[in-house]
Protein backbone atom coordinates (compact mmCIF):
# COMPACT_ATOMS: atom_id res chain seq x y z
CA ALA A 1 28.37 49.50 -194.80
CA SER A 2 25.41 48.27 -196.47
CA THR A 3 24.64 47.03 -199.51
CA ILE A 4 21.52 48.22 -201.74
CA GLU A 5 20.37 45.40 -204.14
CA VAL A 6 19.06 47.07 -207.38
CA GLN A 7 16.25 44.64 -209.14
CA LYS A 8 17.18 44.27 -212.43
CA VAL A 9 14.04 44.07 -214.86
CA SER A 10 14.75 43.30 -218.58
CA VAL A 11 11.52 44.48 -221.25
CA THR A 12 11.55 43.28 -224.81
CA VAL A 13 9.54 44.85 -227.71
CA THR A 14 9.74 42.81 -230.92
CA LYS A 15 9.83 43.85 -234.01
CA ASP A 16 5.93 42.76 -234.66
CA GLN A 17 5.35 44.78 -230.84
CA GLN A 18 4.97 42.08 -228.92
CA TYR A 19 6.11 42.70 -225.24
CA TYR A 20 7.96 40.59 -222.79
CA VAL A 21 9.09 41.01 -219.23
CA ASN A 22 11.89 38.71 -218.21
CA ASP A 23 11.28 36.48 -221.81
CA ARG A 24 7.50 36.40 -220.09
CA LYS A 25 5.17 37.57 -222.41
CA VAL A 26 2.47 40.41 -221.59
CA SER A 27 0.35 42.36 -223.37
CA ARG A 28 0.88 45.92 -223.25
CA ALA A 29 -2.05 46.61 -220.82
CA MET A 30 -0.50 44.16 -218.50
CA LEU A 31 2.98 45.99 -218.58
CA GLU A 32 3.24 48.13 -215.56
CA GLY A 33 1.32 46.19 -213.52
CA GLU A 34 4.00 43.81 -213.91
CA LEU A 35 6.72 46.14 -213.55
CA LYS A 36 5.30 47.48 -210.58
CA SER A 37 5.03 44.25 -209.00
CA LEU A 38 8.61 43.31 -209.88
CA LEU A 39 10.13 46.22 -208.49
CA SER A 40 7.91 46.51 -205.92
CA GLY A 41 9.45 49.88 -204.16
CA ARG A 42 12.79 48.97 -204.62
CA ALA A 43 15.36 50.50 -206.40
CA GLY A 44 15.63 49.44 -209.70
CA SER A 45 16.41 49.25 -213.56
CA VAL A 46 14.69 48.27 -216.39
CA ILE A 47 16.39 47.56 -219.34
CA LEU A 48 15.02 47.99 -222.53
CA HIS A 49 15.68 45.42 -225.51
CA ILE A 50 13.88 47.14 -228.41
CA ASP A 51 14.07 45.99 -231.90
CA LYS A 52 15.15 48.77 -234.50
CA ALA A 53 12.23 48.70 -236.40
CA VAL A 54 9.92 49.51 -233.09
CA PRO A 55 8.28 52.90 -233.81
CA THR A 56 9.57 54.92 -231.00
CA GLU A 57 6.29 55.47 -228.90
CA HIS A 58 6.74 51.74 -227.57
CA LEU A 59 10.23 53.05 -226.00
CA VAL A 60 8.88 56.36 -224.74
CA TYR A 61 5.72 54.25 -223.49
CA VAL A 62 8.10 52.10 -221.53
CA ALA A 63 10.66 54.35 -220.44
CA GLY A 64 7.85 56.47 -219.17
CA ILE A 65 6.05 53.65 -217.22
CA ALA A 66 9.81 52.81 -215.50
CA THR A 67 10.46 56.62 -215.01
CA SER A 68 7.01 56.55 -213.03
CA LEU A 69 8.19 53.72 -210.66
CA ASN A 70 11.18 55.88 -209.96
CA ALA A 71 13.24 52.95 -211.82
CA LYS A 72 16.25 53.49 -213.85
CA VAL A 73 16.12 52.95 -217.29
CA VAL A 74 18.59 51.64 -219.72
CA ILE A 75 18.52 50.63 -223.57
CA ALA A 76 20.29 47.63 -224.29
CA THR A 77 21.37 47.70 -228.18
CA LYS A 78 23.39 45.10 -230.27
CA PRO A 79 26.81 46.03 -231.57
CA GLY A 80 26.87 46.85 -234.73
CA LYS A 81 28.56 44.74 -237.92
């Protein structure tokens, strides 16, 4: 049996629309290059942490990049109170 290692990359978009990849701040323009570098052809998942105040277009932008890199997209949510 063989094992496949899946690369997990966390992308956070804050309510003031700042982007973070694995807790490191990046510009929107640098996001795609950063994800390409981290995923580098391996099977991977991009876990999105997006503030509820952020317009949907930012979610779609990040998900589109992840999909183009053949990564699965997981949207992380916070439990309700």
